[in-house]
N, C-alpha and C. Protein backbone atom coordinates (compact mmCIF):
# COMPACT_ATOMS: atom_id res chain seq x y z
N MET A 1 -20.32 -53.05 79.32
CA MET A 1 -21.01 -53.11 78.01
C MET A 1 -20.68 -51.87 77.49
N LYS A 2 -20.45 -50.70 77.90
CA LYS A 2 -20.31 -49.22 77.42
C LYS A 2 -18.86 -49.35 76.87
N ARG A 3 -17.98 -49.79 77.76
CA ARG A 3 -16.64 -49.83 77.05
C ARG A 3 -16.63 -50.82 75.79
N THR A 4 -17.37 -51.87 75.98
CA THR A 4 -17.05 -52.82 74.67
C THR A 4 -17.58 -52.00 73.44
N THR A 5 -19.02 -51.28 73.92
CA THR A 5 -19.41 -50.61 72.64
C THR A 5 -18.44 -49.45 71.76
N LEU A 6 -17.72 -48.87 72.89
CA LEU A 6 -17.10 -47.60 72.64
C LEU A 6 -15.82 -48.09 71.72
N LEU A 7 -15.53 -49.44 71.99
CA LEU A 7 -14.33 -49.83 71.50
C LEU A 7 -14.45 -50.41 70.03
N LEU A 8 -15.71 -51.16 69.72
CA LEU A 8 -16.26 -51.29 68.48
C LEU A 8 -16.51 -50.09 67.71
N LEU A 9 -16.79 -49.11 67.85
CA LEU A 9 -16.93 -47.77 67.42
C LEU A 9 -15.74 -47.31 66.74
N ILE A 10 -14.66 -47.22 67.69
CA ILE A 10 -13.29 -46.68 67.31
C ILE A 10 -12.76 -47.79 66.03
N LEU A 11 -12.83 -48.99 66.35
CA LEU A 11 -12.45 -49.85 65.40
C LEU A 11 -13.04 -49.86 64.06
N ILE A 12 -14.28 -49.25 63.95
CA ILE A 12 -14.91 -48.97 62.92
C ILE A 12 -14.78 -47.78 62.23
N VAL A 13 -14.52 -46.65 62.86
CA VAL A 13 -14.15 -45.64 62.47
C VAL A 13 -13.12 -45.22 62.11
N LEU A 14 -11.85 -45.76 62.78
CA LEU A 14 -10.36 -45.67 62.46
C LEU A 14 -10.08 -45.99 60.88
N PRO A 15 -10.50 -47.34 60.24
CA PRO A 15 -10.02 -47.59 59.13
C PRO A 15 -10.54 -46.86 58.13
N SER A 16 -11.60 -46.15 58.39
CA SER A 16 -12.45 -45.22 57.33
C SER A 16 -11.88 -43.84 57.43
N CYS A 17 -11.25 -43.52 58.52
CA CYS A 17 -10.49 -42.23 58.25
C CYS A 17 -9.16 -42.15 57.66
N ASN A 18 -8.64 -43.52 57.83
CA ASN A 18 -7.17 -43.86 56.92
C ASN A 18 -7.50 -44.17 55.89
N ASP A 19 -8.74 -44.62 55.26
CA ASP A 19 -8.87 -44.62 53.88
C ASP A 19 -8.82 -43.33 53.05
N SER A 20 -9.73 -42.38 53.71
CA SER A 20 -9.69 -41.16 53.14
C SER A 20 -8.35 -40.51 52.84
N LYS A 21 -7.39 -40.84 53.57
CA LYS A 21 -6.07 -40.13 53.17
C LYS A 21 -5.34 -40.87 51.92
N LYS A 22 -5.69 -41.75 51.62
CA LYS A 22 -5.03 -42.54 50.47
C LYS A 22 -5.45 -42.03 49.05
N PRO A 23 -4.87 -41.84 48.11
CA PRO A 23 -5.06 -41.25 46.95
C PRO A 23 -5.76 -42.22 46.21
N ASP A 24 -6.92 -41.79 45.59
CA ASP A 24 -7.81 -42.66 44.69
C ASP A 24 -7.79 -42.31 43.39
N ILE A 25 -7.47 -42.90 42.39
CA ILE A 25 -7.50 -42.84 41.06
C ILE A 25 -8.84 -43.41 40.34
N SER A 26 -9.65 -43.80 41.06
CA SER A 26 -10.93 -44.43 40.30
C SER A 26 -11.83 -43.32 39.92
N SER A 27 -11.64 -42.09 40.44
CA SER A 27 -12.64 -40.98 39.97
C SER A 27 -12.19 -40.51 38.74
N ILE A 28 -10.85 -40.95 38.09
CA ILE A 28 -10.11 -40.39 37.09
C ILE A 28 -11.14 -40.97 35.92
N PRO A 29 -11.59 -40.08 34.98
CA PRO A 29 -12.82 -40.37 34.08
C PRO A 29 -12.18 -41.44 32.87
N LYS A 30 -12.78 -42.52 32.43
CA LYS A 30 -12.33 -43.28 31.23
C LYS A 30 -12.71 -42.37 29.90
N VAL A 31 -11.79 -42.10 29.09
CA VAL A 31 -12.05 -41.03 28.03
C VAL A 31 -12.62 -41.93 26.88
N LYS A 32 -13.52 -41.80 26.18
CA LYS A 32 -13.80 -42.21 25.12
C LYS A 32 -12.98 -41.60 23.83
N TYR A 33 -12.46 -42.57 23.39
CA TYR A 33 -11.61 -41.81 21.84
C TYR A 33 -12.29 -41.90 20.69
N LEU A 34 -12.06 -40.85 19.93
CA LEU A 34 -12.49 -40.76 18.76
C LEU A 34 -11.95 -41.56 17.65
N THR A 35 -12.85 -42.54 17.01
CA THR A 35 -12.11 -43.62 16.20
C THR A 35 -12.26 -43.05 14.73
N TYR A 36 -11.14 -43.41 13.88
CA TYR A 36 -11.12 -42.92 12.66
C TYR A 36 -12.60 -42.69 11.81
N VAL A 37 -13.15 -43.80 11.95
CA VAL A 37 -14.72 -43.96 11.28
C VAL A 37 -15.35 -42.60 11.83
N ASP A 38 -15.48 -42.53 13.17
CA ASP A 38 -16.29 -41.25 13.74
C ASP A 38 -15.93 -40.24 13.35
N TYR A 39 -14.54 -39.75 13.09
CA TYR A 39 -13.84 -38.59 12.69
C TYR A 39 -14.47 -38.48 11.31
N LYS A 40 -14.28 -39.40 10.54
CA LYS A 40 -14.65 -39.13 8.80
C LYS A 40 -16.04 -38.73 8.83
N ALA A 41 -17.13 -39.22 9.84
CA ALA A 41 -18.40 -39.18 9.53
C ALA A 41 -18.80 -37.50 10.26
N ASN A 42 -17.75 -37.09 10.81
CA ASN A 42 -17.93 -35.64 11.28
C ASN A 42 -16.86 -34.60 10.66
N ALA A 43 -16.23 -35.41 9.87
CA ALA A 43 -15.39 -34.29 9.25
C ALA A 43 -15.81 -32.94 8.77
N GLU A 44 -17.18 -32.69 8.09
CA GLU A 44 -17.74 -31.44 7.97
C GLU A 44 -17.98 -30.50 9.03
N SER A 45 -18.19 -30.91 10.28
CA SER A 45 -18.54 -30.19 11.62
C SER A 45 -17.32 -29.33 11.85
N LYS A 46 -17.48 -28.11 12.12
CA LYS A 46 -16.36 -27.26 12.52
C LYS A 46 -16.54 -26.63 13.79
N ASN A 47 -15.23 -27.11 14.75
CA ASN A 47 -15.25 -26.90 16.23
C ASN A 47 -14.42 -25.43 16.21
N GLU A 48 -14.81 -24.79 17.22
CA GLU A 48 -14.23 -23.76 17.49
C GLU A 48 -13.06 -24.16 18.21
N THR A 49 -11.85 -23.18 17.69
CA THR A 49 -10.44 -23.58 18.17
C THR A 49 -10.16 -22.86 19.57
N LYS A 50 -10.07 -23.54 20.79
CA LYS A 50 -9.83 -22.72 22.26
C LYS A 50 -8.15 -22.73 22.31
N ASN A 51 -7.71 -21.40 22.41
CA ASN A 51 -6.28 -21.21 22.61
C ASN A 51 -6.30 -20.80 24.09
N THR A 52 -7.26 -20.48 25.08
CA THR A 52 -7.20 -20.07 26.53
C THR A 52 -8.39 -20.61 27.34
N ILE A 53 -7.76 -21.42 28.24
CA ILE A 53 -8.59 -22.63 29.16
C ILE A 53 -8.20 -22.35 30.46
N GLU A 54 -9.07 -22.12 31.46
CA GLU A 54 -8.55 -22.42 33.09
C GLU A 54 -7.47 -21.10 33.28
N GLY A 55 -7.21 -20.17 32.31
CA GLY A 55 -6.17 -19.24 32.38
C GLY A 55 -4.66 -19.64 31.86
N PHE A 56 -4.76 -20.70 31.32
CA PHE A 56 -3.82 -21.39 30.35
C PHE A 56 -3.86 -20.78 29.07
N ASN A 57 -2.70 -20.45 28.32
CA ASN A 57 -2.80 -20.06 26.79
C ASN A 57 -1.64 -21.13 26.30
N PHE A 58 -2.81 -21.71 25.01
CA PHE A 58 -2.09 -22.79 24.37
C PHE A 58 -1.66 -22.75 22.80
N SER A 59 -1.03 -22.98 22.42
CA SER A 59 -0.50 -22.97 21.00
C SER A 59 -0.11 -24.31 19.97
N PRO A 60 -1.11 -25.10 19.93
CA PRO A 60 -1.23 -26.48 19.05
C PRO A 60 -0.59 -26.39 17.61
N PRO A 61 -0.05 -27.36 17.45
CA PRO A 61 0.42 -27.42 15.94
C PRO A 61 -0.70 -27.24 14.89
N PRO A 62 -0.37 -26.54 13.69
CA PRO A 62 -1.52 -26.55 12.87
C PRO A 62 -2.44 -27.40 12.67
N HIS A 63 -1.85 -28.45 12.43
CA HIS A 63 -2.39 -30.02 11.96
C HIS A 63 -3.16 -30.72 12.96
N TRP A 64 -3.03 -30.16 14.28
CA TRP A 64 -3.88 -30.73 15.45
C TRP A 64 -5.12 -30.18 15.40
N GLN A 65 -6.12 -31.14 15.06
CA GLN A 65 -7.73 -30.31 14.74
C GLN A 65 -8.31 -30.35 16.06
N ASN A 66 -8.82 -29.68 16.39
CA ASN A 66 -9.73 -29.25 17.67
C ASN A 66 -11.01 -29.88 17.50
N GLN A 67 -11.24 -30.75 18.91
CA GLN A 67 -12.21 -31.57 18.73
C GLN A 67 -13.28 -30.92 19.72
N ASP A 68 -14.79 -31.01 20.00
CA ASP A 68 -15.38 -30.43 21.25
C ASP A 68 -14.95 -31.47 22.28
N ALA A 69 -14.61 -30.53 23.58
CA ALA A 69 -14.33 -31.24 24.75
C ALA A 69 -15.52 -31.26 25.79
N SER A 70 -15.72 -32.71 25.93
CA SER A 70 -17.00 -33.00 26.61
C SER A 70 -16.56 -33.63 27.66
N GLY A 71 -17.55 -33.68 28.96
CA GLY A 71 -17.26 -34.47 30.39
C GLY A 71 -16.21 -33.52 30.89
N MET A 72 -15.29 -34.30 31.48
CA MET A 72 -14.24 -33.61 32.29
C MET A 72 -13.00 -33.05 31.22
N ARG A 73 -12.95 -33.20 30.15
CA ARG A 73 -12.01 -32.78 29.14
C ARG A 73 -11.93 -31.21 29.11
N LEU A 74 -10.72 -30.52 29.31
CA LEU A 74 -10.65 -29.53 28.94
C LEU A 74 -10.29 -28.86 27.69
N LEU A 75 -9.68 -30.02 26.85
CA LEU A 75 -9.09 -29.76 25.59
C LEU A 75 -9.18 -31.08 24.95
N SER A 76 -9.52 -31.14 23.46
CA SER A 76 -9.55 -32.20 22.75
C SER A 76 -8.86 -32.13 21.44
N TYR A 77 -7.95 -32.86 20.72
CA TYR A 77 -7.54 -32.63 19.73
C TYR A 77 -7.27 -33.96 18.98
N VAL A 78 -7.58 -34.38 17.57
CA VAL A 78 -7.27 -35.30 17.02
C VAL A 78 -6.03 -35.08 15.92
N ILE A 79 -5.22 -36.05 15.56
CA ILE A 79 -4.22 -36.15 14.73
C ILE A 79 -4.29 -37.24 13.67
N THR A 80 -4.62 -37.06 12.17
CA THR A 80 -4.98 -37.91 11.49
C THR A 80 -3.61 -38.36 10.38
N GLU A 81 -3.69 -39.25 10.00
CA GLU A 81 -2.68 -39.76 8.81
C GLU A 81 -2.96 -41.07 8.23
N LYS A 82 -3.48 -40.58 6.99
CA LYS A 82 -4.06 -41.72 5.83
C LYS A 82 -5.27 -42.23 6.90
N GLU A 83 -5.40 -43.27 7.35
CA GLU A 83 -6.63 -43.79 7.97
C GLU A 83 -6.23 -43.84 9.48
N LYS A 84 -5.35 -43.52 9.92
CA LYS A 84 -4.73 -43.73 11.20
C LYS A 84 -5.30 -42.52 12.06
N ILE A 85 -5.55 -42.54 13.64
CA ILE A 85 -5.94 -41.16 14.14
C ILE A 85 -5.43 -41.43 15.73
N ALA A 86 -4.77 -40.38 16.12
CA ALA A 86 -4.33 -40.40 17.45
C ALA A 86 -4.92 -39.00 18.37
N ASN A 87 -5.36 -39.47 19.43
CA ASN A 87 -6.37 -38.51 20.28
C ASN A 87 -5.58 -37.93 21.43
N PHE A 88 -5.57 -36.63 21.65
CA PHE A 88 -4.88 -35.63 22.62
C PHE A 88 -5.88 -35.31 23.28
N THR A 89 -5.93 -35.34 25.02
CA THR A 89 -6.66 -35.09 25.80
C THR A 89 -6.03 -34.23 26.68
N LEU A 90 -6.81 -33.37 27.44
CA LEU A 90 -6.37 -32.52 28.78
C LEU A 90 -7.34 -32.58 29.67
N ILE A 91 -7.19 -33.37 31.00
CA ILE A 91 -8.28 -33.53 31.93
C ILE A 91 -7.64 -32.89 33.17
N LYS A 92 -8.67 -32.07 33.84
CA LYS A 92 -8.09 -31.52 35.16
C LYS A 92 -8.94 -32.13 36.27
N LEU A 93 -8.48 -32.32 37.17
CA LEU A 93 -9.00 -33.03 38.63
C LEU A 93 -8.46 -32.19 39.97
N VAL A 94 -9.24 -31.99 40.76
CA VAL A 94 -9.09 -31.20 41.79
C VAL A 94 -8.12 -32.19 42.80
N GLY A 95 -6.96 -31.69 43.48
CA GLY A 95 -6.11 -32.47 44.41
C GLY A 95 -5.34 -33.06 43.40
N ARG A 96 -4.35 -34.12 44.36
CA ARG A 96 -3.17 -34.67 43.67
C ARG A 96 -3.94 -35.87 42.85
N SER A 97 -4.87 -36.52 42.76
CA SER A 97 -5.41 -37.71 42.14
C SER A 97 -4.47 -38.88 41.74
N GLY A 98 -4.04 -39.30 43.37
CA GLY A 98 -3.15 -40.72 42.91
C GLY A 98 -1.87 -39.87 42.75
N SER A 99 -1.08 -40.83 42.99
CA SER A 99 0.86 -40.71 43.03
C SER A 99 1.06 -40.79 41.13
N ILE A 100 2.06 -40.45 40.96
CA ILE A 100 2.72 -40.76 39.62
C ILE A 100 2.75 -42.02 39.46
N LEU A 101 3.10 -43.09 40.31
CA LEU A 101 3.39 -44.42 39.83
C LEU A 101 1.92 -44.93 39.79
N GLU A 102 1.04 -44.58 40.06
CA GLU A 102 -0.58 -45.19 40.16
C GLU A 102 -1.05 -44.74 38.66
N ASN A 103 -0.72 -43.48 38.38
CA ASN A 103 -1.27 -43.01 37.10
C ASN A 103 -0.35 -43.66 35.88
N VAL A 104 0.66 -43.63 36.20
CA VAL A 104 1.37 -44.39 34.92
C VAL A 104 1.21 -45.87 34.90
N ASN A 105 0.92 -46.48 35.88
CA ASN A 105 0.62 -47.80 35.83
C ASN A 105 -0.87 -48.10 35.19
N ARG A 106 -1.75 -47.10 35.52
CA ARG A 106 -3.09 -46.80 35.02
C ARG A 106 -3.12 -46.97 33.25
N TRP A 107 -2.07 -46.01 33.05
CA TRP A 107 -2.04 -45.99 31.46
C TRP A 107 -1.31 -47.21 30.86
N ARG A 108 -0.07 -47.95 31.54
CA ARG A 108 0.38 -48.73 31.15
C ARG A 108 -0.67 -50.14 31.05
N GLY A 109 -1.53 -50.16 31.84
CA GLY A 109 -2.65 -51.29 31.80
C GLY A 109 -3.47 -51.18 30.49
N GLN A 110 -3.61 -49.67 30.06
CA GLN A 110 -4.39 -49.47 28.73
C GLN A 110 -3.72 -50.19 27.29
N LEU A 111 -2.18 -50.44 27.68
CA LEU A 111 -1.58 -50.84 26.66
C LEU A 111 -1.39 -52.05 27.05
N GLU A 112 -1.94 -52.81 28.09
CA GLU A 112 -1.69 -54.40 28.40
C GLU A 112 -0.35 -54.70 28.61
N LEU A 113 0.34 -53.72 29.43
CA LEU A 113 1.65 -53.60 29.94
C LEU A 113 1.78 -54.04 31.57
N LYS A 114 2.84 -54.72 31.83
CA LYS A 114 2.53 -55.02 33.37
C LYS A 114 2.94 -53.85 34.21
N PRO A 115 2.69 -53.49 35.44
CA PRO A 115 2.97 -52.50 36.03
C PRO A 115 4.43 -51.83 36.35
N LEU A 116 4.80 -50.98 36.55
CA LEU A 116 6.19 -50.55 36.77
C LEU A 116 6.48 -50.69 38.52
N THR A 117 7.71 -50.71 39.21
CA THR A 117 7.89 -50.53 40.44
C THR A 117 8.32 -48.96 40.26
N ASN A 118 8.47 -48.40 41.80
CA ASN A 118 9.04 -47.14 41.89
C ASN A 118 10.50 -46.84 41.43
N THR A 119 11.23 -48.05 41.49
CA THR A 119 12.48 -48.22 40.91
C THR A 119 12.44 -47.86 39.45
N LEU A 120 11.91 -48.39 38.56
CA LEU A 120 11.40 -48.50 37.30
C LEU A 120 11.08 -47.39 36.78
N LEU A 121 10.16 -46.81 37.71
CA LEU A 121 9.51 -45.59 37.13
C LEU A 121 10.30 -44.21 37.12
N SER A 122 11.33 -44.48 38.12
CA SER A 122 12.35 -43.22 38.03
C SER A 122 13.41 -43.27 36.86
N LYS A 123 13.38 -44.07 36.28
CA LYS A 123 14.26 -44.43 35.09
C LYS A 123 13.42 -43.97 33.91
N ALA A 124 12.28 -44.21 33.77
CA ALA A 124 11.11 -43.84 32.71
C ALA A 124 10.81 -42.52 32.91
N ILE A 125 10.44 -41.97 33.96
CA ILE A 125 10.07 -40.37 34.02
C ILE A 125 10.96 -39.43 33.55
N ASN A 126 10.55 -38.50 33.19
CA ASN A 126 11.51 -37.25 32.95
C ASN A 126 10.66 -36.12 33.29
N VAL A 127 11.52 -35.10 34.17
CA VAL A 127 11.11 -33.94 34.65
C VAL A 127 11.36 -32.91 33.79
N MET A 128 10.42 -32.04 33.02
CA MET A 128 10.46 -31.37 32.21
C MET A 128 9.91 -29.78 32.32
N PRO A 129 11.02 -29.14 33.15
CA PRO A 129 10.36 -27.58 33.45
C PRO A 129 9.96 -26.91 32.15
N SER A 130 8.91 -25.99 32.62
CA SER A 130 8.12 -25.28 31.72
C SER A 130 7.86 -23.91 32.43
N GLN A 131 7.25 -22.99 31.55
CA GLN A 131 6.93 -21.66 31.76
C GLN A 131 5.65 -21.71 33.03
N VAL A 132 4.83 -22.99 33.09
CA VAL A 132 3.78 -23.01 34.07
C VAL A 132 4.16 -24.03 35.00
N GLY A 133 4.98 -24.75 35.17
CA GLY A 133 5.69 -25.45 36.19
C GLY A 133 6.44 -26.64 35.76
N ASP A 134 6.91 -27.77 36.49
CA ASP A 134 7.34 -28.96 36.16
C ASP A 134 6.60 -29.90 35.52
N PHE A 135 6.41 -30.40 34.54
CA PHE A 135 6.01 -31.85 33.91
C PHE A 135 6.63 -32.88 34.15
N GLN A 136 5.56 -34.05 34.59
CA GLN A 136 6.24 -35.46 34.92
C GLN A 136 5.86 -36.26 33.65
N PHE A 137 6.99 -36.23 32.77
CA PHE A 137 6.53 -36.75 31.22
C PHE A 137 7.20 -38.17 31.04
N ILE A 138 6.35 -38.78 30.29
CA ILE A 138 6.54 -40.44 30.07
C ILE A 138 6.06 -40.77 28.65
N ASP A 139 7.03 -41.67 28.22
CA ASP A 139 6.49 -42.15 26.86
C ASP A 139 6.33 -43.54 27.22
N ILE A 140 5.16 -44.06 26.78
CA ILE A 140 4.94 -45.72 27.03
C ILE A 140 4.55 -46.38 25.92
N GLN A 141 5.28 -47.29 25.43
CA GLN A 141 5.39 -48.02 24.27
C GLN A 141 5.38 -49.40 24.64
N ARG A 142 4.95 -50.50 23.74
CA ARG A 142 5.39 -51.87 23.59
C ARG A 142 6.11 -52.03 22.75
N ILE A 143 6.95 -53.40 22.72
CA ILE A 143 7.99 -53.67 21.85
C ILE A 143 6.89 -54.10 20.38
N GLN A 144 7.24 -53.57 19.16
CA GLN A 144 6.64 -53.72 17.94
C GLN A 144 7.14 -55.10 17.51
N LYS A 145 6.11 -55.97 17.18
CA LYS A 145 6.30 -57.31 16.37
C LYS A 145 6.51 -56.96 14.89
N ARG A 146 7.07 -57.69 14.12
CA ARG A 146 6.83 -57.62 12.69
C ARG A 146 5.37 -57.68 12.16
N GLY A 147 5.21 -56.83 11.45
CA GLY A 147 3.96 -56.74 11.02
C GLY A 147 2.63 -56.41 11.81
N GLU A 148 3.01 -55.60 13.04
CA GLU A 148 1.97 -55.35 13.96
C GLU A 148 2.22 -53.88 14.51
N GLU A 149 1.28 -52.84 14.75
CA GLU A 149 1.36 -51.88 15.25
C GLU A 149 0.61 -51.51 16.19
N THR A 150 0.72 -51.53 17.65
CA THR A 150 0.00 -51.66 19.16
C THR A 150 0.09 -49.83 19.03
N ASP A 151 -0.76 -49.63 20.19
CA ASP A 151 -0.76 -48.28 20.65
C ASP A 151 0.34 -47.52 21.38
N ARG A 152 0.51 -46.48 21.47
CA ARG A 152 1.49 -45.66 22.12
C ARG A 152 0.80 -44.90 22.96
N ILE A 153 1.48 -44.14 24.17
CA ILE A 153 1.18 -42.81 25.01
C ILE A 153 1.98 -42.15 25.37
N LEU A 154 2.10 -40.92 25.20
CA LEU A 154 3.03 -40.00 25.62
C LEU A 154 1.91 -39.20 26.66
N ALA A 155 2.42 -39.04 27.49
CA ALA A 155 1.61 -38.35 28.98
C ALA A 155 2.48 -37.53 29.63
N ALA A 156 1.62 -36.48 30.37
CA ALA A 156 2.47 -35.49 31.43
C ALA A 156 1.52 -35.02 32.14
N ILE A 157 2.17 -35.03 33.50
CA ILE A 157 1.19 -34.71 34.59
C ILE A 157 1.83 -33.47 35.19
N LEU A 158 0.92 -32.32 35.37
CA LEU A 158 1.05 -31.03 36.00
C LEU A 158 0.53 -30.93 37.39
N HIS A 159 0.88 -30.53 38.57
CA HIS A 159 0.36 -30.16 39.56
C HIS A 159 0.40 -28.59 39.95
N LYS A 160 -0.52 -28.13 39.77
CA LYS A 160 -0.63 -26.51 39.93
C LYS A 160 -1.89 -26.14 40.42
N ASP A 161 -1.64 -25.18 41.69
CA ASP A 161 -2.77 -24.60 42.23
C ASP A 161 -3.56 -25.42 42.77
N GLY A 162 -3.09 -26.60 43.60
CA GLY A 162 -4.17 -27.56 44.12
C GLY A 162 -4.94 -28.28 43.07
N SER A 163 -4.45 -28.54 41.89
CA SER A 163 -5.27 -29.30 40.86
C SER A 163 -4.26 -30.20 40.06
N THR A 164 -4.74 -31.17 39.57
CA THR A 164 -3.72 -32.05 38.90
C THR A 164 -4.04 -32.09 37.14
N TYR A 165 -3.50 -31.75 36.47
CA TYR A 165 -3.69 -31.59 34.84
C TYR A 165 -3.00 -32.84 34.10
N PHE A 166 -3.76 -33.85 33.59
CA PHE A 166 -3.32 -34.90 32.78
C PHE A 166 -3.36 -34.55 31.14
N PHE A 167 -2.27 -34.44 30.61
CA PHE A 167 -2.05 -34.37 29.05
C PHE A 167 -1.67 -35.65 28.49
N LYS A 168 -2.41 -36.11 27.54
CA LYS A 168 -2.38 -37.40 27.02
C LYS A 168 -2.60 -37.42 25.70
N LEU A 169 -1.32 -37.92 24.71
CA LEU A 169 -1.48 -38.33 23.36
C LEU A 169 -1.79 -39.70 23.20
N MET A 170 -2.47 -40.11 22.59
CA MET A 170 -2.65 -41.84 22.67
C MET A 170 -3.08 -42.09 21.11
N GLY A 171 -2.71 -43.44 20.47
CA GLY A 171 -2.92 -43.65 19.20
C GLY A 171 -1.71 -44.67 18.60
N PRO A 172 -1.78 -44.80 17.28
CA PRO A 172 -0.73 -45.91 16.50
C PRO A 172 0.43 -45.38 17.08
N HIS A 173 1.49 -46.38 17.34
CA HIS A 173 2.71 -46.36 17.67
C HIS A 173 3.34 -45.23 16.78
N ASN A 174 3.49 -45.39 15.36
CA ASN A 174 4.15 -44.66 14.82
C ASN A 174 3.71 -43.23 14.51
N LEU A 175 2.22 -43.21 14.39
CA LEU A 175 1.72 -41.73 14.25
C LEU A 175 2.00 -41.21 15.54
N VAL A 176 2.11 -41.97 16.70
CA VAL A 176 2.23 -41.26 17.94
C VAL A 176 3.78 -40.69 18.16
N GLY A 177 4.74 -41.55 17.87
CA GLY A 177 5.98 -41.28 17.71
C GLY A 177 6.43 -40.20 16.99
N ASN A 178 5.76 -40.02 15.81
CA ASN A 178 6.21 -38.69 14.81
C ASN A 178 5.64 -37.61 15.53
N GLU A 179 4.88 -37.73 16.57
CA GLU A 179 4.05 -36.21 17.16
C GLU A 179 4.99 -36.09 18.46
N LYS A 180 5.96 -36.79 19.17
CA LYS A 180 6.49 -36.34 20.14
C LYS A 180 7.38 -35.25 20.37
N ALA A 181 7.76 -34.99 19.14
CA ALA A 181 8.42 -33.53 19.18
C ALA A 181 7.35 -32.42 19.33
N ASN A 182 6.42 -32.64 18.50
CA ASN A 182 5.24 -31.57 18.75
C ASN A 182 4.71 -31.59 20.23
N PHE A 183 4.25 -32.58 20.57
CA PHE A 183 3.94 -32.92 21.94
C PHE A 183 4.84 -32.24 22.78
N VAL A 184 5.68 -32.51 22.94
CA VAL A 184 6.95 -31.69 24.07
C VAL A 184 6.88 -30.24 23.84
N GLU A 185 6.89 -29.81 22.34
CA GLU A 185 6.88 -28.36 22.19
C GLU A 185 5.51 -27.81 22.60
N PHE A 186 4.42 -28.58 22.39
CA PHE A 186 3.26 -27.70 23.01
C PHE A 186 3.11 -27.47 24.57
N LEU A 187 3.59 -28.47 25.29
CA LEU A 187 4.07 -28.38 26.55
C LEU A 187 4.87 -27.16 27.02
N GLU A 188 5.83 -27.00 26.21
CA GLU A 188 6.78 -25.77 26.37
C GLU A 188 6.26 -24.61 26.17
N LYS A 189 5.40 -24.46 25.12
CA LYS A 189 5.00 -23.20 24.97
C LYS A 189 3.24 -22.64 25.85
N ILE A 190 3.12 -23.72 26.49
CA ILE A 190 1.99 -22.98 27.34
C ILE A 190 2.28 -22.06 28.63
N THR A 191 1.51 -21.21 28.31
CA THR A 191 1.90 -19.91 29.16
C THR A 191 0.70 -19.59 30.00
N THR A 192 0.63 -18.94 31.13
CA THR A 192 -0.61 -18.17 31.75
C THR A 192 -0.44 -16.89 31.65
N ALA A 193 -1.37 -15.86 32.25
CA ALA A 193 -1.29 -14.52 31.91
C ALA A 193 0.01 -13.77 32.75
N SER A 194 0.52 -14.46 33.82
CA SER A 194 1.64 -14.03 34.40
C SER A 194 2.58 -14.16 33.93
N THR A 195 2.82 -15.19 33.23
CA THR A 195 4.21 -15.63 32.80
C THR A 195 4.33 -15.20 31.32
N GLN A 196 3.25 -14.83 30.58
CA GLN A 196 3.34 -14.22 29.09
C GLN A 196 3.81 -12.85 29.38
N ASP A 197 3.53 -11.93 30.85
CA ASP A 197 3.52 -10.79 30.84
C ASP A 197 5.10 -10.31 31.15
N LYS A 198 5.70 -11.48 31.60
CA LYS A 198 7.27 -11.38 32.00
C LYS A 198 8.15 -11.17 30.52
N PRO A 199 9.07 -10.32 30.77
CA PRO A 199 10.04 -10.08 29.86
C PRO A 199 10.93 -11.21 29.31
């Protein structure tokens, strides 16, 4: 009887131990993006521009408009063009927060795209060296049909000091595409106090 009870306890405990080792991306918050209507309604409010957060120094383009970063967001900017708006967010989570593939497929799901395999991911991801570490950069977009403009995502993942930083720009396809060079330059210009002091 005791052996049977012990065996049952082992069978119950072991799966839960294994599950705790698996990366879980369900803890990554769903960000509520600012719409153009909401932006116009609050256009007169002035948000303080933050250039140093969590030991990082940022140099956003002048036309990226700072917004209050709420919840788990460290940074929030909006970019507007006529009646279009794109949202930039920076989120920090402790730990690895899932694999690169899981996070990319999570973003692809937001654009109603099919998930990638590891083989296809290796062709889509670009490793981008910077002063603060290597970014895993990806441009996620759908094929545009005539007269249609869907959303597009530029995203970069940085693992640093036991935390994961998610940099993401999402909005109308053409607007985000026009900001791609600025997004890349923004990442390249990020420094820390230690990297900034180097000659």
